[in-house]
Amino acid sequence: MFLGPKSSPSLVHKRKQGRLAVRLHATLFTTTTAHAAILENLSRSGAKLRLEVPPPRGRDAVLRWDRFEAFGRVSWVTASRCGLIFTSPLSEDALRTTLALNEASPAPEDAHSVSAAARAWVEGNGRIGLD
């Protein structure tokens, strides 16, 4: 499902593209760390991620989910989420395929799914993204 711009005048200027609401396992790689994450929304120009310890704002990173990969920079951070702005736009095919992946196998809604997925990945028992 594509989500269009918010109706608030202040946000219309910030958002020029629709966002795809998803819930998929992903990995966010920085120069020092691989962060297990849940990809919560995606557009051609960026993504919103939920993760235990987000990287700092301004950090360059690579987002990997399924067979896709996008390079970008962390644009905002909260205690458990961050936004990533891509350096190159994603293709329409990447968005369509991501939507199909989400419809076929979304990540669990459980509040502890990120930490459980991260723990399984560290222990070698989990599969996140292309790992």
N, C-alpha and C. Protein backbone atom coordinates (compact mmCIF):
# COMPACT_ATOMS: atom_id res chain seq x y z
N MET A 1 0.84 -1.16 0.00
CA MET A 1 0.00 0.00 0.00
C MET A 1 0.89 1.23 0.00
N PHE A 2 0.66 2.14 -0.94
CA PHE A 2 1.38 3.39 -0.97
C PHE A 2 0.65 4.40 -0.11
N LEU A 3 1.39 5.11 0.72
CA LEU A 3 0.81 6.15 1.55
C LEU A 3 1.21 7.48 0.95
N GLY A 4 0.25 8.32 0.67
CA GLY A 4 0.52 9.62 0.06
C GLY A 4 0.98 10.62 1.09
N PRO A 5 1.23 11.84 0.65
CA PRO A 5 1.67 12.88 1.59
C PRO A 5 0.61 13.17 2.63
N LYS A 6 1.04 13.58 3.80
CA LYS A 6 0.12 13.97 4.87
C LYS A 6 -0.58 15.26 4.45
N SER A 7 -1.75 15.51 5.04
CA SER A 7 -2.50 16.69 4.65
C SER A 7 -2.01 17.96 5.34
N SER A 8 -1.17 17.82 6.34
CA SER A 8 -0.64 18.99 7.03
C SER A 8 0.23 19.81 6.08
N PRO A 9 -0.04 21.12 5.97
CA PRO A 9 0.74 21.94 5.04
C PRO A 9 2.24 21.89 5.30
N SER A 10 2.65 21.77 6.55
CA SER A 10 4.08 21.77 6.84
C SER A 10 4.75 20.48 6.37
N LEU A 11 4.01 19.38 6.29
CA LEU A 11 4.60 18.12 5.85
C LEU A 11 4.51 17.93 4.35
N VAL A 12 3.58 18.60 3.69
CA VAL A 12 3.45 18.45 2.25
C VAL A 12 4.74 18.85 1.56
N HIS A 13 5.39 19.88 2.05
CA HIS A 13 6.64 20.33 1.44
C HIS A 13 7.78 19.37 1.71
N LYS A 14 7.75 18.64 2.80
CA LYS A 14 8.83 17.71 3.13
C LYS A 14 8.71 16.42 2.34
N ARG A 15 7.48 15.93 2.11
CA ARG A 15 7.27 14.65 1.44
C ARG A 15 6.81 14.88 0.02
N LYS A 16 7.62 14.48 -0.93
CA LYS A 16 7.27 14.63 -2.33
C LYS A 16 6.89 13.29 -2.94
N GLN A 17 7.15 12.18 -2.24
CA GLN A 17 6.87 10.86 -2.78
C GLN A 17 6.06 10.06 -1.78
N GLY A 18 5.24 9.15 -2.32
CA GLY A 18 4.48 8.25 -1.47
C GLY A 18 5.40 7.25 -0.79
N ARG A 19 4.91 6.72 0.32
CA ARG A 19 5.68 5.73 1.07
C ARG A 19 4.95 4.40 1.03
N LEU A 20 5.70 3.34 0.96
CA LEU A 20 5.17 1.99 0.96
C LEU A 20 5.25 1.46 2.39
N ALA A 21 4.10 1.21 3.02
CA ALA A 21 4.10 0.67 4.38
C ALA A 21 4.39 -0.82 4.32
N VAL A 22 5.49 -1.24 4.96
CA VAL A 22 5.90 -2.64 4.97
C VAL A 22 6.34 -3.02 6.38
N ARG A 23 6.65 -4.27 6.55
CA ARG A 23 7.18 -4.78 7.81
C ARG A 23 8.06 -5.98 7.47
N LEU A 24 9.31 -5.69 7.12
CA LEU A 24 10.24 -6.72 6.66
C LEU A 24 11.54 -6.68 7.45
N HIS A 25 12.15 -7.84 7.60
CA HIS A 25 13.47 -7.91 8.22
C HIS A 25 14.49 -7.28 7.27
N ALA A 26 15.40 -6.53 7.84
CA ALA A 26 16.44 -5.86 7.06
C ALA A 26 17.69 -5.77 7.92
N THR A 27 18.78 -5.38 7.29
CA THR A 27 20.03 -5.11 8.00
C THR A 27 20.54 -3.75 7.55
N LEU A 28 20.93 -2.93 8.51
CA LEU A 28 21.52 -1.63 8.21
C LEU A 28 23.00 -1.71 8.57
N PHE A 29 23.86 -1.58 7.56
CA PHE A 29 25.30 -1.67 7.76
C PHE A 29 25.90 -0.27 7.80
N THR A 30 26.69 -0.01 8.83
CA THR A 30 27.51 1.20 8.87
C THR A 30 28.96 0.74 8.76
N THR A 31 29.88 1.66 8.84
CA THR A 31 31.29 1.27 8.72
C THR A 31 31.75 0.41 9.89
N THR A 32 31.03 0.46 11.00
CA THR A 32 31.47 -0.29 12.19
C THR A 32 30.50 -1.36 12.66
N THR A 33 29.24 -1.32 12.21
CA THR A 33 28.24 -2.21 12.80
C THR A 33 27.22 -2.67 11.78
N ALA A 34 26.70 -3.88 12.00
CA ALA A 34 25.54 -4.38 11.27
C ALA A 34 24.38 -4.38 12.24
N HIS A 35 23.35 -3.60 11.94
CA HIS A 35 22.19 -3.45 12.81
C HIS A 35 21.02 -4.27 12.26
N ALA A 36 20.50 -5.23 13.05
CA ALA A 36 19.27 -5.92 12.68
C ALA A 36 18.14 -4.90 12.79
N ALA A 37 17.24 -4.89 11.80
CA ALA A 37 16.20 -3.87 11.77
C ALA A 37 14.91 -4.43 11.18
N ILE A 38 13.85 -3.68 11.40
CA ILE A 38 12.57 -3.91 10.73
C ILE A 38 12.36 -2.73 9.80
N LEU A 39 12.22 -3.00 8.53
CA LEU A 39 11.92 -1.98 7.54
C LEU A 39 10.43 -1.67 7.65
N GLU A 40 10.09 -0.44 8.07
CA GLU A 40 8.69 -0.08 8.31
C GLU A 40 8.04 0.66 7.15
N ASN A 41 8.81 1.46 6.45
CA ASN A 41 8.27 2.04 5.22
C ASN A 41 9.40 2.36 4.27
N LEU A 42 9.02 2.50 3.02
CA LEU A 42 10.01 2.62 1.96
C LEU A 42 9.44 3.50 0.86
N SER A 43 10.28 4.35 0.30
CA SER A 43 9.92 5.13 -0.89
C SER A 43 11.11 5.06 -1.83
N ARG A 44 10.97 5.68 -2.97
CA ARG A 44 12.10 5.70 -3.90
C ARG A 44 13.29 6.42 -3.30
N SER A 45 13.04 7.37 -2.37
CA SER A 45 14.12 8.21 -1.87
C SER A 45 14.59 7.90 -0.46
N GLY A 46 13.91 6.97 0.26
CA GLY A 46 14.34 6.71 1.62
C GLY A 46 13.56 5.62 2.30
N ALA A 47 13.88 5.41 3.59
CA ALA A 47 13.25 4.34 4.36
C ALA A 47 13.16 4.74 5.82
N LYS A 48 12.22 4.11 6.51
CA LYS A 48 12.08 4.25 7.96
C LYS A 48 12.33 2.87 8.55
N LEU A 49 13.20 2.81 9.57
CA LEU A 49 13.61 1.54 10.18
C LEU A 49 13.35 1.57 11.67
N ARG A 50 13.04 0.40 12.22
CA ARG A 50 12.97 0.24 13.67
C ARG A 50 14.12 -0.69 14.04
N LEU A 51 14.91 -0.28 15.04
CA LEU A 51 16.05 -1.09 15.48
C LEU A 51 16.37 -0.75 16.92
N GLU A 52 17.07 -1.65 17.58
CA GLU A 52 17.35 -1.48 19.01
C GLU A 52 18.19 -0.24 19.29
N VAL A 53 19.29 -0.08 18.58
CA VAL A 53 20.18 1.06 18.80
C VAL A 53 20.47 1.69 17.44
N PRO A 54 19.74 2.74 17.09
CA PRO A 54 19.97 3.36 15.78
C PRO A 54 21.34 4.02 15.70
N PRO A 55 21.91 4.05 14.50
CA PRO A 55 23.18 4.76 14.33
C PRO A 55 22.93 6.27 14.43
N PRO A 56 23.96 7.05 14.66
CA PRO A 56 23.78 8.50 14.79
C PRO A 56 23.36 9.16 13.48
N ARG A 57 22.69 10.28 13.62
CA ARG A 57 22.28 11.10 12.47
C ARG A 57 23.54 11.50 11.70
N GLY A 58 23.43 11.45 10.38
CA GLY A 58 24.55 11.82 9.52
C GLY A 58 25.45 10.67 9.13
N ARG A 59 25.27 9.51 9.73
CA ARG A 59 26.11 8.34 9.43
C ARG A 59 25.74 7.75 8.07
N ASP A 60 26.73 7.45 7.24
CA ASP A 60 26.50 6.74 5.98
C ASP A 60 26.19 5.29 6.30
N ALA A 61 25.29 4.70 5.50
CA ALA A 61 24.88 3.32 5.78
C ALA A 61 24.38 2.65 4.51
N VAL A 62 24.38 1.33 4.54
CA VAL A 62 23.81 0.52 3.47
C VAL A 62 22.66 -0.28 4.07
N LEU A 63 21.49 -0.17 3.46
CA LEU A 63 20.32 -0.93 3.88
C LEU A 63 20.17 -2.12 2.97
N ARG A 64 20.02 -3.30 3.56
CA ARG A 64 19.85 -4.53 2.79
C ARG A 64 18.59 -5.23 3.26
N TRP A 65 17.72 -5.57 2.32
CA TRP A 65 16.53 -6.38 2.60
C TRP A 65 16.33 -7.28 1.39
N ASP A 66 15.96 -8.53 1.68
CA ASP A 66 15.83 -9.55 0.65
C ASP A 66 17.02 -9.46 -0.30
N ARG A 67 16.79 -9.25 -1.59
CA ARG A 67 17.91 -9.16 -2.55
C ARG A 67 18.27 -7.72 -2.90
N PHE A 68 17.68 -6.78 -2.19
CA PHE A 68 17.89 -5.36 -2.48
C PHE A 68 18.89 -4.73 -1.52
N GLU A 69 19.53 -3.69 -2.02
CA GLU A 69 20.52 -2.95 -1.23
C GLU A 69 20.46 -1.49 -1.68
N ALA A 70 20.54 -0.58 -0.71
CA ALA A 70 20.52 0.85 -1.03
C ALA A 70 21.48 1.58 -0.10
N PHE A 71 22.27 2.47 -0.67
CA PHE A 71 23.21 3.28 0.09
C PHE A 71 22.54 4.60 0.44
N GLY A 72 22.79 5.08 1.66
CA GLY A 72 22.20 6.36 2.04
C GLY A 72 22.85 6.92 3.29
N ARG A 73 22.17 7.91 3.86
CA ARG A 73 22.64 8.58 5.07
C ARG A 73 21.49 8.67 6.06
N VAL A 74 21.81 8.42 7.34
CA VAL A 74 20.81 8.51 8.40
C VAL A 74 20.40 9.98 8.53
N SER A 75 19.10 10.25 8.36
CA SER A 75 18.62 11.64 8.35
C SER A 75 17.97 12.06 9.65
N TRP A 76 17.44 11.12 10.42
CA TRP A 76 16.85 11.43 11.72
C TRP A 76 16.91 10.18 12.59
N VAL A 77 16.85 10.37 13.91
CA VAL A 77 16.99 9.26 14.86
C VAL A 77 16.08 9.52 16.05
N THR A 78 15.41 8.45 16.53
CA THR A 78 14.73 8.46 17.83
C THR A 78 15.32 7.31 18.63
N ALA A 79 14.73 7.01 19.77
CA ALA A 79 15.26 5.94 20.62
C ALA A 79 15.28 4.58 19.92
N SER A 80 14.30 4.31 19.05
CA SER A 80 14.23 2.98 18.44
C SER A 80 13.96 3.02 16.94
N ARG A 81 14.08 4.17 16.33
CA ARG A 81 13.83 4.28 14.89
C ARG A 81 14.81 5.26 14.26
N CYS A 82 14.95 5.12 12.94
CA CYS A 82 15.73 6.10 12.19
C CYS A 82 15.22 6.18 10.77
N GLY A 83 15.54 7.28 10.12
CA GLY A 83 15.22 7.47 8.72
C GLY A 83 16.49 7.46 7.91
N LEU A 84 16.39 6.93 6.71
CA LEU A 84 17.54 6.85 5.81
C LEU A 84 17.16 7.52 4.50
N ILE A 85 17.97 8.44 4.03
CA ILE A 85 17.78 9.06 2.72
C ILE A 85 18.76 8.39 1.76
N PHE A 86 18.24 7.84 0.67
CA PHE A 86 19.08 7.15 -0.30
C PHE A 86 19.83 8.14 -1.20
N THR A 87 21.03 7.77 -1.60
CA THR A 87 21.81 8.61 -2.51
C THR A 87 21.31 8.49 -3.95
N SER A 88 20.71 7.36 -4.30
CA SER A 88 20.11 7.15 -5.63
C SER A 88 18.72 6.58 -5.43
N PRO A 89 17.76 7.01 -6.23
CA PRO A 89 16.39 6.52 -6.04
C PRO A 89 16.27 5.03 -6.35
N LEU A 90 15.37 4.38 -5.62
CA LEU A 90 15.06 2.97 -5.90
C LEU A 90 14.23 2.87 -7.16
N SER A 91 14.30 1.74 -7.80
CA SER A 91 13.49 1.51 -9.00
C SER A 91 12.05 1.16 -8.60
N GLU A 92 11.14 1.38 -9.53
CA GLU A 92 9.74 0.98 -9.30
C GLU A 92 9.66 -0.53 -9.09
N ASP A 93 10.50 -1.29 -9.80
CA ASP A 93 10.52 -2.74 -9.63
C ASP A 93 10.89 -3.12 -8.20
N ALA A 94 11.87 -2.43 -7.62
CA ALA A 94 12.26 -2.72 -6.24
C ALA A 94 11.10 -2.46 -5.29
N LEU A 95 10.36 -1.38 -5.52
CA LEU A 95 9.19 -1.09 -4.67
C LEU A 95 8.10 -2.14 -4.84
N ARG A 96 7.80 -2.50 -6.09
CA ARG A 96 6.76 -3.52 -6.34
C ARG A 96 7.14 -4.87 -5.73
N THR A 97 8.39 -5.26 -5.91
CA THR A 97 8.84 -6.54 -5.38
C THR A 97 8.83 -6.52 -3.85
N THR A 98 9.21 -5.40 -3.25
CA THR A 98 9.18 -5.29 -1.80
C THR A 98 7.76 -5.40 -1.28
N LEU A 99 6.81 -4.79 -1.97
CA LEU A 99 5.40 -4.91 -1.58
C LEU A 99 4.95 -6.36 -1.64
N ALA A 100 5.33 -7.08 -2.70
CA ALA A 100 4.97 -8.50 -2.83
C ALA A 100 5.60 -9.32 -1.71
N LEU A 101 6.85 -9.03 -1.37
CA LEU A 101 7.52 -9.74 -0.27
C LEU A 101 6.78 -9.51 1.04
N ASN A 102 6.37 -8.27 1.27
CA ASN A 102 5.66 -7.94 2.49
C ASN A 102 4.32 -8.66 2.57
N GLU A 103 3.61 -8.73 1.45
CA GLU A 103 2.32 -9.41 1.44
C GLU A 103 2.49 -10.91 1.68
N ALA A 104 3.59 -11.47 1.18
CA ALA A 104 3.83 -12.91 1.33
C ALA A 104 4.36 -13.29 2.70
N SER A 105 5.19 -12.45 3.31
CA SER A 105 5.84 -12.84 4.56
C SER A 105 6.30 -11.64 5.38
N PRO A 106 5.37 -10.90 5.96
CA PRO A 106 5.79 -9.76 6.78
C PRO A 106 6.45 -10.21 8.08
N ALA A 107 7.27 -9.35 8.65
CA ALA A 107 7.89 -9.64 9.96
C ALA A 107 6.79 -9.63 11.01
N PRO A 108 6.96 -10.37 12.11
CA PRO A 108 5.95 -10.40 13.15
C PRO A 108 5.71 -9.02 13.77
N GLU A 109 4.52 -8.82 14.29
CA GLU A 109 4.15 -7.55 14.93
C GLU A 109 4.67 -7.45 16.35
N ASP A 110 5.19 -8.51 16.89
CA ASP A 110 5.64 -8.55 18.28
C ASP A 110 6.62 -7.43 18.59
N ALA A 111 6.44 -6.78 19.71
CA ALA A 111 7.30 -5.66 20.10
C ALA A 111 8.75 -6.08 20.28
N HIS A 112 8.99 -7.35 20.54
CA HIS A 112 10.36 -7.81 20.77
C HIS A 112 10.96 -8.47 19.53
N SER A 113 10.31 -8.33 18.38
CA SER A 113 10.78 -9.03 17.19
C SER A 113 12.17 -8.57 16.75
N VAL A 114 12.48 -7.29 16.89
CA VAL A 114 13.80 -6.81 16.48
C VAL A 114 14.87 -7.43 17.36
N SER A 115 14.68 -7.40 18.68
CA SER A 115 15.70 -7.96 19.56
C SER A 115 15.81 -9.47 19.39
N ALA A 116 14.68 -10.14 19.19
CA ALA A 116 14.73 -11.60 18.98
C ALA A 116 15.44 -11.93 17.67
N ALA A 117 15.15 -11.17 16.62
CA ALA A 117 15.81 -11.39 15.34
C ALA A 117 17.30 -11.10 15.44
N ALA A 118 17.66 -10.04 16.14
CA ALA A 118 19.07 -9.70 16.31
C ALA A 118 19.80 -10.78 17.10
N ARG A 119 19.17 -11.26 18.17
CA ARG A 119 19.78 -12.30 18.99
C ARG A 119 19.99 -13.57 18.17
N ALA A 120 18.97 -13.96 17.38
CA ALA A 120 19.08 -15.16 16.55
C ALA A 120 20.18 -14.99 15.52
N TRP A 121 20.29 -13.80 14.95
CA TRP A 121 21.30 -13.55 13.94
C TRP A 121 22.70 -13.65 14.54
N VAL A 122 22.90 -13.04 15.71
CA VAL A 122 24.21 -13.08 16.38
C VAL A 122 24.58 -14.50 16.75
N GLU A 123 23.60 -15.29 17.17
CA GLU A 123 23.85 -16.68 17.56
C GLU A 123 23.97 -17.61 16.35
N GLY A 124 23.78 -17.06 15.15
CA GLY A 124 23.90 -17.88 13.94
C GLY A 124 22.67 -18.70 13.62
N ASN A 125 21.54 -18.38 14.28
CA ASN A 125 20.32 -19.16 14.07
C ASN A 125 19.27 -18.43 13.28
N GLY A 126 19.53 -17.19 12.92
CA GLY A 126 18.52 -16.39 12.26
C GLY A 126 18.94 -16.01 10.85
N ARG A 127 17.96 -15.53 10.11
CA ARG A 127 18.23 -15.06 8.77
C ARG A 127 17.60 -13.69 8.65
N ILE A 128 18.42 -12.67 8.45
CA ILE A 128 17.96 -11.30 8.29
C ILE A 128 18.48 -10.80 6.96
N GLY A 129 17.59 -10.33 6.12
CA GLY A 129 18.01 -9.85 4.81
C GLY A 129 18.66 -10.96 4.02
N LEU A 130 19.85 -10.74 3.52
CA LEU A 130 20.56 -11.75 2.72
C LEU A 130 21.54 -12.55 3.54
N ASP A 131 21.55 -12.38 4.86
CA ASP A 131 22.52 -13.10 5.72
C ASP A 131 22.29 -14.58 5.63
